[in-house]
Amino acid sequence: MNLRVVPLSGEWVKSSLSSPNTDTCVRLMKIDGGVALDDSKRPDLAPLRYTRAELAAFLHAAKAGEFDHLLEG
């Protein structure tokens, strides 16, 4: 399935840890075959799209701390 042609017909979801008074956040939307990822600060850019397996692998790695070094000073 080509996720680039799947319509964006759901609702965007943002982290509960995002600032409640702003719409500058990374958002996700469930789409057929995967998930779309959007930066609300850049509505001019097309959302990135990932399969469920790709997002699951990323979340698993993030929960395991594999990317924590990217947040260091």
PDB file of N, CA and C in Angstrom:
ATOM      1  N   MET A   1       0.837  -1.182   0.000  1.00  0.00           N
ATOM      2  CA  MET A   1       0.000   0.000   0.000  1.00  0.00           C
ATOM      3  C   MET A   1       0.885   1.250   0.000  1.00  0.00           C
ATOM      4  N   ASN A   2       0.560   2.182  -0.840  1.00  0.00           N
ATOM      5  CA  ASN A   2       1.287   3.451  -0.911  1.00  0.00           C
ATOM      6  C   ASN A   2       0.641   4.440   0.061  1.00  0.00           C
ATOM      7  N   LEU A   3       1.280   4.653   1.198  1.00  0.00           N
ATOM      8  CA  LEU A   3       0.703   5.524   2.220  1.00  0.00           C
ATOM      9  C   LEU A   3       0.623   6.984   1.786  1.00  0.00           C
ATOM     10  N   ARG A   4       1.393   7.375   0.774  1.00  0.00           N
ATOM     11  CA  ARG A   4       1.377   8.780   0.331  1.00  0.00           C
ATOM     12  C   ARG A   4       0.054   9.184  -0.289  1.00  0.00           C
ATOM     13  N   VAL A   5      -0.722   8.208  -0.739  1.00  0.00           N
ATOM     14  CA  VAL A   5      -1.996   8.543  -1.380  1.00  0.00           C
ATOM     15  C   VAL A   5      -3.197   8.287  -0.477  1.00  0.00           C
ATOM     16  N   VAL A   6      -2.960   7.780   0.726  1.00  0.00           N
ATOM     17  CA  VAL A   6      -4.054   7.525   1.661  1.00  0.00           C
ATOM     18  C   VAL A   6      -4.584   8.867   2.167  1.00  0.00           C
ATOM     19  N   PRO A   7      -5.897   9.076   2.096  1.00  0.00           N
ATOM     20  CA  PRO A   7      -6.443  10.364   2.542  1.00  0.00           C
ATOM     21  C   PRO A   7      -6.258  10.598   4.039  1.00  0.00           C
ATOM     22  N   LEU A   8      -6.104  11.867   4.381  1.00  0.00           N
ATOM     23  CA  LEU A   8      -6.014  12.275   5.784  1.00  0.00           C
ATOM     24  C   LEU A   8      -7.417  12.664   6.233  1.00  0.00           C
ATOM     25  N   SER A   9      -8.156  11.691   6.708  1.00  0.00           N
ATOM     26  CA  SER A   9      -9.560  11.953   7.031  1.00  0.00           C
ATOM     27  C   SER A   9      -9.880  11.801   8.517  1.00  0.00           C
ATOM     28  N   GLY A  10      -8.864  11.564   9.327  1.00  0.00           N
ATOM     29  CA  GLY A  10      -9.103  11.405  10.761  1.00  0.00           C
ATOM     30  C   GLY A  10      -8.857  12.688  11.516  1.00  0.00           C
ATOM     31  N   GLU A  11      -8.668  12.542  12.816  1.00  0.00           N
ATOM     32  CA  GLU A  11      -8.368  13.695  13.656  1.00  0.00           C
ATOM     33  C   GLU A  11      -6.916  13.637  14.101  1.00  0.00           C
ATOM     34  N   TRP A  12      -6.259  14.802  14.136  1.00  0.00           N
ATOM     35  CA  TRP A  12      -4.899  14.875  14.633  1.00  0.00           C
ATOM     36  C   TRP A  12      -4.915  14.706  16.147  1.00  0.00           C
ATOM     37  N   VAL A  13      -3.924  13.986  16.665  1.00  0.00           N
ATOM     38  CA  VAL A  13      -3.766  13.767  18.102  1.00  0.00           C
ATOM     39  C   VAL A  13      -2.407  14.332  18.495  1.00  0.00           C
ATOM     40  N   LYS A  14      -2.386  15.105  19.587  1.00  0.00           N
ATOM     41  CA  LYS A  14      -1.106  15.622  20.067  1.00  0.00           C
ATOM     42  C   LYS A  14      -0.885  15.133  21.488  1.00  0.00           C
ATOM     43  N   SER A  15       0.340  15.165  21.905  1.00  0.00           N
ATOM     44  CA  SER A  15       0.704  14.721  23.239  1.00  0.00           C
ATOM     45  C   SER A  15       0.015  15.562  24.302  1.00  0.00           C
ATOM     46  N   SER A  16      -0.387  14.900  25.374  1.00  0.00           N
ATOM     47  CA  SER A  16      -0.965  15.631  26.505  1.00  0.00           C
ATOM     48  C   SER A  16       0.094  16.497  27.185  1.00  0.00           C
ATOM     49  N   LEU A  17       1.370  16.245  26.876  1.00  0.00           N
ATOM     50  CA  LEU A  17       2.456  17.044  27.443  1.00  0.00           C
ATOM     51  C   LEU A  17       2.753  18.293  26.626  1.00  0.00           C
ATOM     52  N   SER A  18       2.086  18.454  25.482  1.00  0.00           N
ATOM     53  CA  SER A  18       2.251  19.669  24.676  1.00  0.00           C
ATOM     54  C   SER A  18       1.644  20.843  25.418  1.00  0.00           C
ATOM     55  N   SER A  19       2.156  22.014  25.133  1.00  0.00           N
ATOM     56  CA  SER A  19       1.632  23.212  25.777  1.00  0.00           C
ATOM     57  C   SER A  19       0.151  23.384  25.427  1.00  0.00           C
ATOM     58  N   PRO A  20      -0.695  23.542  26.430  1.00  0.00           N
ATOM     59  CA  PRO A  20      -2.133  23.641  26.159  1.00  0.00           C
ATOM     60  C   PRO A  20      -2.549  24.944  25.480  1.00  0.00           C
ATOM     61  N   ASN A  21      -1.708  25.968  25.547  1.00  0.00           N
ATOM     62  CA  ASN A  21      -2.070  27.275  25.013  1.00  0.00           C
ATOM     63  C   ASN A  21      -1.499  27.554  23.632  1.00  0.00           C
ATOM     64  N   THR A  22      -0.964  26.540  22.987  1.00  0.00           N
ATOM     65  CA  THR A  22      -0.369  26.743  21.672  1.00  0.00           C
ATOM     66  C   THR A  22      -0.637  25.531  20.794  1.00  0.00           C
ATOM     67  N   ASP A  23      -0.559  25.732  19.512  1.00  0.00           N
ATOM     68  CA  ASP A  23      -0.747  24.634  18.571  1.00  0.00           C
ATOM     69  C   ASP A  23       0.578  24.305  17.891  1.00  0.00           C
ATOM     70  N   THR A  24       1.689  24.542  18.568  1.00  0.00           N
ATOM     71  CA  THR A  24       2.994  24.219  18.009  1.00  0.00           C
ATOM     72  C   THR A  24       3.428  22.880  18.579  1.00  0.00           C
ATOM     73  N   CYS A  25       3.109  21.840  17.845  1.00  0.00           N
ATOM     74  CA  CYS A  25       3.384  20.502  18.349  1.00  0.00           C
ATOM     75  C   CYS A  25       3.496  19.514  17.194  1.00  0.00           C
ATOM     76  N   VAL A  26       3.995  18.359  17.520  1.00  0.00           N
ATOM     77  CA  VAL A  26       3.988  17.243  16.593  1.00  0.00           C
ATOM     78  C   VAL A  26       2.671  16.505  16.820  1.00  0.00           C
ATOM     79  N   ARG A  27       1.985  16.213  15.730  1.00  0.00           N
ATOM     80  CA  ARG A  27       0.683  15.558  15.834  1.00  0.00           C
ATOM     81  C   ARG A  27       0.696  14.270  15.019  1.00  0.00           C
ATOM     82  N   LEU A  28      -0.140  13.332  15.419  1.00  0.00           N
ATOM     83  CA  LEU A  28      -0.277  12.074  14.707  1.00  0.00           C
ATOM     84  C   LEU A  28      -1.735  11.835  14.347  1.00  0.00           C
ATOM     85  N   MET A  29      -1.939  11.123  13.238  1.00  0.00           N
ATOM     86  CA  MET A  29      -3.280  10.759  12.800  1.00  0.00           C
ATOM     87  C   MET A  29      -3.252   9.320  12.300  1.00  0.00           C
ATOM     88  N   LYS A  30      -4.181   8.523  12.764  1.00  0.00           N
ATOM     89  CA  LYS A  30      -4.308   7.155  12.258  1.00  0.00           C
ATOM     90  C   LYS A  30      -4.874   7.215  10.837  1.00  0.00           C
ATOM     91  N   ILE A  31      -4.201   6.525   9.917  1.00  0.00           N
ATOM     92  CA  ILE A  31      -4.672   6.430   8.535  1.00  0.00           C
ATOM     93  C   ILE A  31      -4.693   4.957   8.149  1.00  0.00           C
ATOM     94  N   ASP A  32      -5.364   4.635   7.070  1.00  0.00           N
ATOM     95  CA  ASP A  32      -5.381   3.252   6.597  1.00  0.00           C
ATOM     96  C   ASP A  32      -3.958   2.782   6.342  1.00  0.00           C
ATOM     97  N   GLY A  33      -3.545   1.721   7.013  1.00  0.00           N
ATOM     98  CA  GLY A  33      -2.226   1.155   6.805  1.00  0.00           C
ATOM     99  C   GLY A  33      -1.122   1.762   7.645  1.00  0.00           C
ATOM    100  N   GLY A  34      -1.432   2.795   8.433  1.00  0.00           N
ATOM    101  CA  GLY A  34      -0.364   3.383   9.218  1.00  0.00           C
ATOM    102  C   GLY A  34      -0.757   4.631   9.974  1.00  0.00           C
ATOM    103  N   VAL A  35       0.202   5.550  10.063  1.00  0.00           N
ATOM    104  CA  VAL A  35       0.040   6.768  10.841  1.00  0.00           C
ATOM    105  C   VAL A  35       0.687   7.922  10.081  1.00  0.00           C
ATOM    106  N   ALA A  36       0.028   9.074  10.098  1.00  0.00           N
ATOM    107  CA  ALA A  36       0.611  10.294   9.538  1.00  0.00           C
ATOM    108  C   ALA A  36       1.164  11.119  10.688  1.00  0.00           C
ATOM    109  N   LEU A  37       2.281  11.800  10.449  1.00  0.00           N
ATOM    110  CA  LEU A  37       2.944  12.626  11.457  1.00  0.00           C
ATOM    111  C   LEU A  37       3.095  14.021  10.886  1.00  0.00           C
ATOM    112  N   ASP A  38       2.709  15.020  11.658  1.00  0.00           N
ATOM    113  CA  ASP A  38       2.619  16.388  11.171  1.00  0.00           C
ATOM    114  C   ASP A  38       3.260  17.346  12.172  1.00  0.00           C
ATOM    115  N   ASP A  39       3.861  18.411  11.683  1.00  0.00           N
ATOM    116  CA  ASP A  39       4.375  19.489  12.518  1.00  0.00           C
ATOM    117  C   ASP A  39       3.411  20.659  12.359  1.00  0.00           C
ATOM    118  N   SER A  40       2.656  20.955  13.385  1.00  0.00           N
ATOM    119  CA  SER A  40       1.621  21.984  13.265  1.00  0.00           C
ATOM    120  C   SER A  40       2.187  23.369  12.955  1.00  0.00           C
ATOM    121  N   LYS A  41       3.482  23.585  13.229  1.00  0.00           N
ATOM    122  CA  LYS A  41       4.099  24.880  12.910  1.00  0.00           C
ATOM    123  C   LYS A  41       4.342  25.035  11.411  1.00  0.00           C
ATOM    124  N   ARG A  42       4.323  23.938  10.681  1.00  0.00           N
ATOM    125  CA  ARG A  42       4.620  23.972   9.246  1.00  0.00           C
ATOM    126  C   ARG A  42       3.484  23.339   8.432  1.00  0.00           C
ATOM    127  N   PRO A  43       2.310  23.965   8.416  1.00  0.00           N
ATOM    128  CA  PRO A  43       1.192  23.392   7.666  1.00  0.00           C
ATOM    129  C   PRO A  43       1.429  23.348   6.158  1.00  0.00           C
ATOM    130  N   ASP A  44       2.476  24.049   5.696  1.00  0.00           N
ATOM    131  CA  ASP A  44       2.803  24.046   4.275  1.00  0.00           C
ATOM    132  C   ASP A  44       3.504  22.761   3.846  1.00  0.00           C
ATOM    133  N   LEU A  45       3.998  21.977   4.800  1.00  0.00           N
ATOM    134  CA  LEU A  45       4.691  20.726   4.489  1.00  0.00           C
ATOM    135  C   LEU A  45       3.741  19.539   4.570  1.00  0.00           C
ATOM    136  N   ALA A  46       3.915  18.602   3.681  1.00  0.00           N
ATOM    137  CA  ALA A  46       3.097  17.388   3.704  1.00  0.00           C
ATOM    138  C   ALA A  46       3.471  16.545   4.921  1.00  0.00           C
ATOM    139  N   PRO A  47       2.496  15.927   5.554  1.00  0.00           N
ATOM    140  CA  PRO A  47       2.795  15.069   6.693  1.00  0.00           C
ATOM    141  C   PRO A  47       3.642  13.866   6.271  1.00  0.00           C
ATOM    142  N   LEU A  48       4.473  13.408   7.178  1.00  0.00           N
ATOM    143  CA  LEU A  48       5.207  12.160   6.973  1.00  0.00           C
ATOM    144  C   LEU A  48       4.259  11.019   7.277  1.00  0.00           C
ATOM    145  N   ARG A  49       4.461   9.884   6.608  1.00  0.00           N
ATOM    146  CA  ARG A  49       3.567   8.736   6.807  1.00  0.00           C
ATOM    147  C   ARG A  49       4.402   7.491   7.066  1.00  0.00           C
ATOM    148  N   TYR A  50       3.974   6.726   8.058  1.00  0.00           N
ATOM    149  CA  TYR A  50       4.696   5.519   8.450  1.00  0.00           C
ATOM    150  C   TYR A  50       3.725   4.360   8.612  1.00  0.00           C
ATOM    151  N   THR A  51       4.207   3.168   8.315  1.00  0.00           N
ATOM    152  CA  THR A  51       3.391   1.988   8.551  1.00  0.00           C
ATOM    153  C   THR A  51       3.274   1.768  10.055  1.00  0.00           C
ATOM    154  N   ARG A  52       2.329   0.938  10.445  1.00  0.00           N
ATOM    155  CA  ARG A  52       2.176   0.617  11.868  1.00  0.00           C
ATOM    156  C   ARG A  52       3.453  -0.034  12.408  1.00  0.00           C
ATOM    157  N   ALA A  53       4.067  -0.893  11.606  1.00  0.00           N
ATOM    158  CA  ALA A  53       5.293  -1.574  12.038  1.00  0.00           C
ATOM    159  C   ALA A  53       6.432  -0.578  12.237  1.00  0.00           C
ATOM    160  N   GLU A  54       6.547   0.399  11.348  1.00  0.00           N
ATOM    161  CA  GLU A  54       7.596   1.410  11.484  1.00  0.00           C
ATOM    162  C   GLU A  54       7.395   2.247  12.742  1.00  0.00           C
ATOM    163  N   LEU A  55       6.166   2.668  12.992  1.00  0.00           N
ATOM    164  CA  LEU A  55       5.903   3.463  14.185  1.00  0.00           C
ATOM    165  C   LEU A  55       6.109   2.628  15.444  1.00  0.00           C
ATOM    166  N   ALA A  56       5.692   1.367  15.423  1.00  0.00           N
ATOM    167  CA  ALA A  56       5.882   0.487  16.581  1.00  0.00           C
ATOM    168  C   ALA A  56       7.369   0.309  16.886  1.00  0.00           C
ATOM    169  N   ALA A  57       8.191   0.137  15.861  1.00  0.00           N
ATOM    170  CA  ALA A  57       9.635  -0.012  16.067  1.00  0.00           C
ATOM    171  C   ALA A  57      10.226   1.257  16.667  1.00  0.00           C
ATOM    172  N   PHE A  58       9.796   2.421  16.176  1.00  0.00           N
ATOM    173  CA  PHE A  58      10.285   3.687  16.718  1.00  0.00           C
ATOM    174  C   PHE A  58       9.872   3.855  18.176  1.00  0.00           C
ATOM    175  N   LEU A  59       8.602   3.611  18.481  1.00  0.00           N
ATOM    176  CA  LEU A  59       8.129   3.769  19.862  1.00  0.00           C
ATOM    177  C   LEU A  59       8.839   2.808  20.809  1.00  0.00           C
ATOM    178  N   HIS A  60       9.051   1.590  20.365  1.00  0.00           N
ATOM    179  CA  HIS A  60       9.765   0.615  21.194  1.00  0.00           C
ATOM    180  C   HIS A  60      11.183   1.116  21.499  1.00  0.00           C
ATOM    181  N   ALA A  61      11.871   1.607  20.482  1.00  0.00           N
ATOM    182  CA  ALA A  61      13.234   2.117  20.670  1.00  0.00           C
ATOM    183  C   ALA A  61      13.237   3.351  21.570  1.00  0.00           C
ATOM    184  N   ALA A  62      12.259   4.239  21.386  1.00  0.00           N
ATOM    185  CA  ALA A  62      12.192   5.445  22.221  1.00  0.00           C
ATOM    186  C   ALA A  62      11.945   5.079  23.676  1.00  0.00           C
ATOM    187  N   LYS A  63      11.046   4.139  23.916  1.00  0.00           N
ATOM    188  CA  LYS A  63      10.769   3.708  25.284  1.00  0.00           C
ATOM    189  C   LYS A  63      11.985   3.041  25.922  1.00  0.00           C
ATOM    190  N   ALA A  64      12.825   2.431  25.111  1.00  0.00           N
ATOM    191  CA  ALA A  64      14.036   1.768  25.611  1.00  0.00           C
ATOM    192  C   ALA A  64      15.172   2.764  25.812  1.00  0.00           C
ATOM    193  N   GLY A  65      14.952   4.042  25.462  1.00  0.00           N
ATOM    194  CA  GLY A  65      15.967   5.063  25.684  1.00  0.00           C
ATOM    195  C   GLY A  65      17.000   5.211  24.582  1.00  0.00           C
ATOM    196  N   GLU A  66      16.785   4.581  23.434  1.00  0.00           N
ATOM    197  CA  GLU A  66      17.783   4.616  22.355  1.00  0.00           C
ATOM    198  C   GLU A  66      18.056   6.015  21.804  1.00  0.00           C
ATOM    199  N   PHE A  67      17.144   6.949  22.003  1.00  0.00           N
ATOM    200  CA  PHE A  67      17.322   8.291  21.441  1.00  0.00           C
ATOM    201  C   PHE A  67      17.571   9.344  22.511  1.00  0.00           C
ATOM    202  N   ASP A  68      17.676   8.939  23.743  1.00  0.00           N
ATOM    203  CA  ASP A  68      17.844   9.889  24.845  1.00  0.00           C
ATOM    204  C   ASP A  68      19.077  10.784  24.654  1.00  0.00           C
ATOM    205  N   HIS A  69      20.137  10.250  24.059  1.00  0.00           N
ATOM    206  CA  HIS A  69      21.358  11.043  23.869  1.00  0.00           C
ATOM    207  C   HIS A  69      21.127  12.244  22.947  1.00  0.00           C
ATOM    208  N   LEU A  70      20.085  12.209  22.141  1.00  0.00           N
ATOM    209  CA  LEU A  70      19.802  13.322  21.231  1.00  0.00           C
ATOM    210  C   LEU A  70      19.269  14.544  21.989  1.00  0.00           C
ATOM    211  N   LEU A  71      18.822  14.357  23.213  1.00  0.00           N
ATOM    212  CA  LEU A  71      18.270  15.454  24.006  1.00  0.00           C
ATOM    213  C   LEU A  71      19.296  16.080  24.939  1.00  0.00           C
ATOM    214  N   GLU A  72      20.477  15.552  24.956  1.00  0.00           N
ATOM    215  CA  GLU A  72      21.526  16.068  25.849  1.00  0.00           C
ATOM    216  C   GLU A  72      22.050  17.403  25.330  1.00  0.00           C
ATOM    217  N   GLY A  73      22.312  18.313  26.285  1.00  0.00           N
ATOM    218  CA  GLY A  73      22.847  19.647  26.070  1.00  0.00           C
ATOM    219  C   GLY A  73      23.532  19.878  24.812  1.00  0.00           C
TER     220      GLY A  73
END
